[in-house]
Amino acid sequence: MKVGYVRISTKEQNTARQDLLMQELGVERVFTDKISGKNQERPELHRMMDFVREGDSLTVERISRFARNTRDLLELTAALEEKKVQFISRKENIDTSTAAGKFMLAVFCALAELERDNILERQAEGIAIAKAEGRMTGRPKKAVDTFEGVYLDVKEGRLSASAGAKQLGISRSTWYRKVREYEDDPFVDL
């Protein structure tokens, strides 16, 4: 059976291009996730992996729609290989039913991971330079002189968290962040 897997990362995206490809290729069953690839909980991917069986082929538009990183791709394709399911990625022209396809898969995985690591490294270097030049200082922390007293009032039930945040003039999300910071290190300067 020809099986397809389609994934989009955001609500603003749509699956039309990938769906059209699956239709053109005569894919009989398509599993679609509308969730970031970073998320390990991709329910349709798991359903698809349970569904495929020996002799099936799995087609994806491109590797990045299927796997989060090299390890993820290698684990997924190993599971497919164990089930004797062929893996096809159209964009990269990879077909694991051939030795050349298996080799290309490994090469593409390594190159994709290398590029991702390079991007992160350049990003970190850029941030470090911007901070050194004083261009990127971040949002200034709001000083809260009476935090500890309000924190104790909330912990002892004399105030609600919302009332405590309001008393300090901060948002609830800032309140909870400061509580986490304080509980991790009560000597931190809030």
C-alpha atoms as a PDB file:
ATOM      1  CA  MET A   1       0.000   0.000   0.000  1.00  0.00           C
ATOM      2  CA  LYS A   2       1.199   3.532  -0.729  1.00  0.00           C
ATOM      3  CA  VAL A   3       1.106   5.544   2.487  1.00  0.00           C
ATOM      4  CA  GLY A   4       1.883   9.231   2.858  1.00  0.00           C
ATOM      5  CA  TYR A   5       2.804  11.471   5.758  1.00  0.00           C
ATOM      6  CA  VAL A   6       2.102  15.216   5.649  1.00  0.00           C
ATOM      7  CA  ARG A   7       3.039  17.773   8.309  1.00  0.00           C
ATOM      8  CA  ILE A   8       2.718  21.518   8.661  1.00  0.00           C
ATOM      9  CA  SER A   9       4.183  23.485  11.553  1.00  0.00           C
ATOM     10  CA  THR A  10       1.796  26.381  12.092  1.00  0.00           C
ATOM     11  CA  LYS A  11      -1.889  27.182  11.812  1.00  0.00           C
ATOM     12  CA  GLU A  12      -1.066  29.749   9.118  1.00  0.00           C
ATOM     13  CA  GLN A  13       0.308  27.047   6.828  1.00  0.00           C
ATOM     14  CA  ASN A  14      -1.828  24.659   4.847  1.00  0.00           C
ATOM     15  CA  THR A  15      -1.307  21.159   3.522  1.00  0.00           C
ATOM     16  CA  ALA A  16      -2.492  21.829  -0.049  1.00  0.00           C
ATOM     17  CA  ARG A  17       0.909  21.461  -1.744  1.00  0.00           C
ATOM     18  CA  GLN A  18       1.739  18.252   0.096  1.00  0.00           C
ATOM     19  CA  ASP A  19      -1.785  16.870  -0.380  1.00  0.00           C
ATOM     20  CA  LEU A  20      -1.572  17.521  -4.141  1.00  0.00           C
ATOM     21  CA  LEU A  21       1.750  15.664  -4.313  1.00  0.00           C
ATOM     22  CA  MET A  22       0.253  12.683  -2.485  1.00  0.00           C
ATOM     23  CA  GLN A  23      -2.684  12.658  -4.890  1.00  0.00           C
ATOM     24  CA  GLU A  24      -0.387  12.861  -7.942  1.00  0.00           C
ATOM     25  CA  LEU A  25       1.671   9.937  -6.623  1.00  0.00           C
ATOM     26  CA  GLY A  26      -1.404   7.786  -6.074  1.00  0.00           C
ATOM     27  CA  VAL A  27      -0.953   7.567  -2.306  1.00  0.00           C
ATOM     28  CA  GLU A  28      -3.819   5.543  -0.876  1.00  0.00           C
ATOM     29  CA  ARG A  29      -3.696   6.605   2.783  1.00  0.00           C
ATOM     30  CA  VAL A  30      -2.379   9.923   4.113  1.00  0.00           C
ATOM     31  CA  PHE A  31      -1.637  10.765   7.749  1.00  0.00           C
ATOM     32  CA  THR A  32      -1.493  14.508   8.528  1.00  0.00           C
ATOM     33  CA  ASP A  33      -0.073  16.308  11.571  1.00  0.00           C
ATOM     34  CA  LYS A  34      -0.587  20.025  12.110  1.00  0.00           C
ATOM     35  CA  ILE A  35       2.085  20.506  14.735  1.00  0.00           C
ATOM     36  CA  SER A  36       5.675  21.689  15.009  1.00  0.00           C
ATOM     37  CA  GLY A  37       8.317  19.134  14.123  1.00  0.00           C
ATOM     38  CA  LYS A  38      10.053  19.959  17.395  1.00  0.00           C
ATOM     39  CA  ASN A  39       7.158  18.384  19.222  1.00  0.00           C
ATOM     40  CA  GLN A  40       7.748  14.696  19.882  1.00  0.00           C
ATOM     41  CA  GLU A  41       4.027  14.130  20.290  1.00  0.00           C
ATOM     42  CA  ARG A  42       2.997  13.878  16.660  1.00  0.00           C
ATOM     43  CA  PRO A  43      -0.083  11.651  16.941  1.00  0.00           C
ATOM     44  CA  GLU A  44      -0.587  11.038  13.234  1.00  0.00           C
ATOM     45  CA  LEU A  45       3.069  10.082  12.788  1.00  0.00           C
ATOM     46  CA  HIS A  46       2.660   7.494  15.550  1.00  0.00           C
ATOM     47  CA  ARG A  47      -0.588   6.221  14.000  1.00  0.00           C
ATOM     48  CA  MET A  48       1.128   5.963  10.626  1.00  0.00           C
ATOM     49  CA  MET A  49       4.095   4.056  12.109  1.00  0.00           C
ATOM     50  CA  ASP A  50       1.643   1.600  13.703  1.00  0.00           C
ATOM     51  CA  PHE A  51      -0.358   1.327  10.456  1.00  0.00           C
ATOM     52  CA  VAL A  52       2.378   0.517   7.918  1.00  0.00           C
ATOM     53  CA  ARG A  53       3.292  -3.100   7.313  1.00  0.00           C
ATOM     54  CA  GLU A  54       5.672  -5.178   5.234  1.00  0.00           C
ATOM     55  CA  GLY A  55       5.568  -4.286   1.551  1.00  0.00           C
ATOM     56  CA  ASP A  56       4.137  -0.775   2.074  1.00  0.00           C
ATOM     57  CA  SER A  57       5.909   2.359   0.944  1.00  0.00           C
ATOM     58  CA  LEU A  58       5.900   5.620   2.879  1.00  0.00           C
ATOM     59  CA  THR A  59       6.191   8.840   0.906  1.00  0.00           C
ATOM     60  CA  VAL A  60       6.955  12.274   2.337  1.00  0.00           C
ATOM     61  CA  GLU A  61       7.370  15.541   0.475  1.00  0.00           C
ATOM     62  CA  ARG A  62      10.715  16.235   2.155  1.00  0.00           C
ATOM     63  CA  ILE A  63      12.722  14.935   5.085  1.00  0.00           C
ATOM     64  CA  SER A  64      12.083  18.034   7.212  1.00  0.00           C
ATOM     65  CA  ARG A  65       8.339  17.283   7.150  1.00  0.00           C
ATOM     66  CA  PHE A  66       9.027  13.802   8.536  1.00  0.00           C
ATOM     67  CA  ALA A  67      11.811  14.070  11.127  1.00  0.00           C
ATOM     68  CA  ARG A  68      13.011  16.674  13.636  1.00  0.00           C
ATOM     69  CA  ASN A  69      16.715  15.911  13.397  1.00  0.00           C
ATOM     70  CA  THR A  70      19.200  13.312  12.184  1.00  0.00           C
ATOM     71  CA  ARG A  71      18.699  10.963  15.116  1.00  0.00           C
ATOM     72  CA  ASP A  72      14.915  11.153  14.741  1.00  0.00           C
ATOM     73  CA  LEU A  73      15.187  10.431  11.018  1.00  0.00           C
ATOM     74  CA  LEU A  74      17.540   7.508  11.527  1.00  0.00           C
ATOM     75  CA  GLU A  75      15.303   6.026  14.245  1.00  0.00           C
ATOM     76  CA  LEU A  76      12.169   6.416  12.135  1.00  0.00           C
ATOM     77  CA  THR A  77      13.741   4.973   8.999  1.00  0.00           C
ATOM     78  CA  ALA A  78      15.260   2.096  11.027  1.00  0.00           C
ATOM     79  CA  ALA A  79      11.775   1.295  12.373  1.00  0.00           C
ATOM     80  CA  LEU A  80      10.428   1.381   8.815  1.00  0.00           C
ATOM     81  CA  GLU A  81      13.268  -0.845   7.602  1.00  0.00           C
ATOM     82  CA  GLU A  82      12.569  -3.317  10.414  1.00  0.00           C
ATOM     83  CA  LYS A  83       8.963  -3.484   9.223  1.00  0.00           C
ATOM     84  CA  LYS A  84      10.247  -3.846   5.627  1.00  0.00           C
ATOM     85  CA  VAL A  85       8.585  -0.568   4.603  1.00  0.00           C
ATOM     86  CA  GLN A  86      10.172   1.478   1.816  1.00  0.00           C
ATOM     87  CA  PHE A  87      10.846   5.179   2.600  1.00  0.00           C
ATOM     88  CA  ILE A  88      10.628   7.772  -0.174  1.00  0.00           C
ATOM     89  CA  SER A  89      11.382  11.475   0.153  1.00  0.00           C
ATOM     90  CA  ARG A  90      10.446  13.322  -3.017  1.00  0.00           C
ATOM     91  CA  LYS A  91      12.381  16.571  -2.507  1.00  0.00           C
ATOM     92  CA  GLU A  92      15.672  14.831  -1.801  1.00  0.00           C
ATOM     93  CA  ASN A  93      14.925  12.023  -4.297  1.00  0.00           C
ATOM     94  CA  ILE A  94      15.621   9.319  -1.713  1.00  0.00           C
ATOM     95  CA  ASP A  95      14.279   5.783  -2.017  1.00  0.00           C
ATOM     96  CA  THR A  96      15.502   3.357   0.663  1.00  0.00           C
ATOM     97  CA  SER A  97      14.701   0.331  -1.455  1.00  0.00           C
ATOM     98  CA  THR A  98      18.105   0.926  -3.102  1.00  0.00           C
ATOM     99  CA  ALA A  99      21.622   0.989  -1.648  1.00  0.00           C
ATOM    100  CA  ALA A 100      22.179   4.425  -3.199  1.00  0.00           C
ATOM    101  CA  GLY A 101      18.978   5.674  -1.551  1.00  0.00           C
ATOM    102  CA  LYS A 102      20.132   4.458   1.867  1.00  0.00           C
ATOM    103  CA  PHE A 103      23.508   6.152   1.364  1.00  0.00           C
ATOM    104  CA  MET A 104      21.894   9.431   0.259  1.00  0.00           C
ATOM    105  CA  LEU A 105      19.626   9.348   3.287  1.00  0.00           C
ATOM    106  CA  ALA A 106      22.637   9.170   5.616  1.00  0.00           C
ATOM    107  CA  VAL A 107      24.402  11.983   3.721  1.00  0.00           C
ATOM    108  CA  PHE A 108      21.352  14.270   3.793  1.00  0.00           C
ATOM    109  CA  CYS A 109      20.897  13.624   7.516  1.00  0.00           C
ATOM    110  CA  ALA A 110      24.479  14.584   8.274  1.00  0.00           C
ATOM    111  CA  LEU A 111      24.336  17.714   6.101  1.00  0.00           C
ATOM    112  CA  ALA A 112      21.027  18.856   7.608  1.00  0.00           C
ATOM    113  CA  GLU A 113      22.358  18.487  11.134  1.00  0.00           C
ATOM    114  CA  LEU A 114      25.604  20.268  10.236  1.00  0.00           C
ATOM    115  CA  GLU A 115      23.667  23.215   8.766  1.00  0.00           C
ATOM    116  CA  ARG A 116      21.389  23.426  11.821  1.00  0.00           C
ATOM    117  CA  ASP A 117      24.423  23.423  14.152  1.00  0.00           C
ATOM    118  CA  ASN A 118      26.104  26.113  12.024  1.00  0.00           C
ATOM    119  CA  ILE A 119      22.986  28.298  12.160  1.00  0.00           C
ATOM    120  CA  LEU A 120      22.811  28.004  15.960  1.00  0.00           C
ATOM    121  CA  GLU A 121      26.530  28.748  16.270  1.00  0.00           C
ATOM    122  CA  ARG A 122      26.299  31.861  14.068  1.00  0.00           C
ATOM    123  CA  GLN A 123      23.216  33.007  15.980  1.00  0.00           C
ATOM    124  CA  ALA A 124      25.031  32.664  19.326  1.00  0.00           C
ATOM    125  CA  GLU A 125      28.059  34.536  17.965  1.00  0.00           C
ATOM    126  CA  GLY A 126      25.825  37.341  16.675  1.00  0.00           C
ATOM    127  CA  ILE A 127      24.056  37.661  20.013  1.00  0.00           C
ATOM    128  CA  ALA A 128      27.379  37.748  21.877  1.00  0.00           C
ATOM    129  CA  ILE A 129      28.692  40.518  19.589  1.00  0.00           C
ATOM    130  CA  ALA A 130      25.470  42.537  19.923  1.00  0.00           C
ATOM    131  CA  LYS A 131      25.583  42.252  23.713  1.00  0.00           C
ATOM    132  CA  ALA A 132      29.267  43.250  23.802  1.00  0.00           C
ATOM    133  CA  GLU A 133      28.454  46.318  21.707  1.00  0.00           C
ATOM    134  CA  GLY A 134      25.517  47.168  23.979  1.00  0.00           C
ATOM    135  CA  ARG A 135      22.939  46.741  21.196  1.00  0.00           C
ATOM    136  CA  MET A 136      21.162  43.826  22.801  1.00  0.00           C
ATOM    137  CA  THR A 137      20.565  44.296  26.460  1.00  0.00           C
ATOM    138  CA  GLY A 138      17.161  42.682  26.626  1.00  0.00           C
ATOM    139  CA  ARG A 139      14.146  43.933  28.436  1.00  0.00           C
ATOM    140  CA  PRO A 140      15.073  45.569  31.734  1.00  0.00           C
ATOM    141  CA  LYS A 141      14.020  43.583  34.786  1.00  0.00           C
ATOM    142  CA  LYS A 142      11.396  45.225  36.873  1.00  0.00           C
ATOM    143  CA  ALA A 143      12.704  45.839  40.388  1.00  0.00           C
ATOM    144  CA  VAL A 144      10.383  44.544  43.066  1.00  0.00           C
ATOM    145  CA  ASP A 145      11.649  45.628  46.471  1.00  0.00           C
ATOM    146  CA  THR A 146       8.869  44.043  48.483  1.00  0.00           C
ATOM    147  CA  PHE A 147       8.647  40.737  46.655  1.00  0.00           C
ATOM    148  CA  GLU A 148       9.637  38.521  49.572  1.00  0.00           C
ATOM    149  CA  GLY A 149       6.951  39.963  51.852  1.00  0.00           C
ATOM    150  CA  VAL A 150       4.229  39.607  49.240  1.00  0.00           C
ATOM    151  CA  TYR A 151       5.492  36.110  48.378  1.00  0.00           C
ATOM    152  CA  LEU A 152       5.125  35.042  52.023  1.00  0.00           C
ATOM    153  CA  ASP A 153       1.619  36.552  52.187  1.00  0.00           C
ATOM    154  CA  VAL A 154       0.606  34.520  49.124  1.00  0.00           C
ATOM    155  CA  LYS A 155       2.244  31.318  50.399  1.00  0.00           C
ATOM    156  CA  GLU A 156       0.514  31.673  53.769  1.00  0.00           C
ATOM    157  CA  GLY A 157      -2.853  32.301  52.109  1.00  0.00           C
ATOM    158  CA  ARG A 158      -3.306  35.946  53.138  1.00  0.00           C
ATOM    159  CA  LEU A 159      -3.251  37.036  49.470  1.00  0.00           C
ATOM    160  CA  SER A 160      -4.061  35.384  46.156  1.00  0.00           C
ATOM    161  CA  ALA A 161      -1.348  35.223  43.493  1.00  0.00           C
ATOM    162  CA  SER A 162      -3.334  37.706  41.372  1.00  0.00           C
ATOM    163  CA  ALA A 163      -3.633  40.128  44.297  1.00  0.00           C
ATOM    164  CA  GLY A 164       0.084  39.747  45.044  1.00  0.00           C
ATOM    165  CA  ALA A 165       1.021  40.503  41.438  1.00  0.00           C
ATOM    166  CA  LYS A 166      -1.324  43.497  41.412  1.00  0.00           C
ATOM    167  CA  GLN A 167       0.129  44.809  44.676  1.00  0.00           C
ATOM    168  CA  LEU A 168       3.625  44.651  43.153  1.00  0.00           C
ATOM    169  CA  GLY A 169       2.476  46.215  39.870  1.00  0.00           C
ATOM    170  CA  ILE A 170       3.539  43.231  37.756  1.00  0.00           C
ATOM    171  CA  SER A 171       1.681  40.803  35.521  1.00  0.00           C
ATOM    172  CA  ARG A 172       0.692  37.348  36.718  1.00  0.00           C
ATOM    173  CA  SER A 173       3.161  35.730  34.314  1.00  0.00           C
ATOM    174  CA  THR A 174       5.947  37.893  35.776  1.00  0.00           C
ATOM    175  CA  TRP A 175       4.748  36.986  39.266  1.00  0.00           C
ATOM    176  CA  TYR A 176       4.995  33.250  38.532  1.00  0.00           C
ATOM    177  CA  ARG A 177       8.405  33.651  36.870  1.00  0.00           C
ATOM    178  CA  LYS A 178       9.692  35.533  39.913  1.00  0.00           C
ATOM    179  CA  VAL A 179       8.232  32.868  42.232  1.00  0.00           C
ATOM    180  CA  ARG A 180      10.116  30.152  40.286  1.00  0.00           C
ATOM    181  CA  GLU A 181      13.327  32.181  40.419  1.00  0.00           C
ATOM    182  CA  TYR A 182      12.900  32.833  44.150  1.00  0.00           C
ATOM    183  CA  GLU A 183      12.084  29.209  44.974  1.00  0.00           C
ATOM    184  CA  ASP A 184      15.096  28.034  42.987  1.00  0.00           C
ATOM    185  CA  ASP A 185      17.382  30.506  44.795  1.00  0.00           C
ATOM    186  CA  PRO A 186      15.897  32.614  47.616  1.00  0.00           C
ATOM    187  CA  PHE A 187      18.982  34.842  47.568  1.00  0.00           C
ATOM    188  CA  VAL A 188      18.431  35.928  43.969  1.00  0.00           C
ATOM    189  CA  ASP A 189      17.948  39.674  43.537  1.00  0.00           C
ATOM    190  CA  LEU A 190      14.340  40.103  42.412  1.00  0.00           C
END
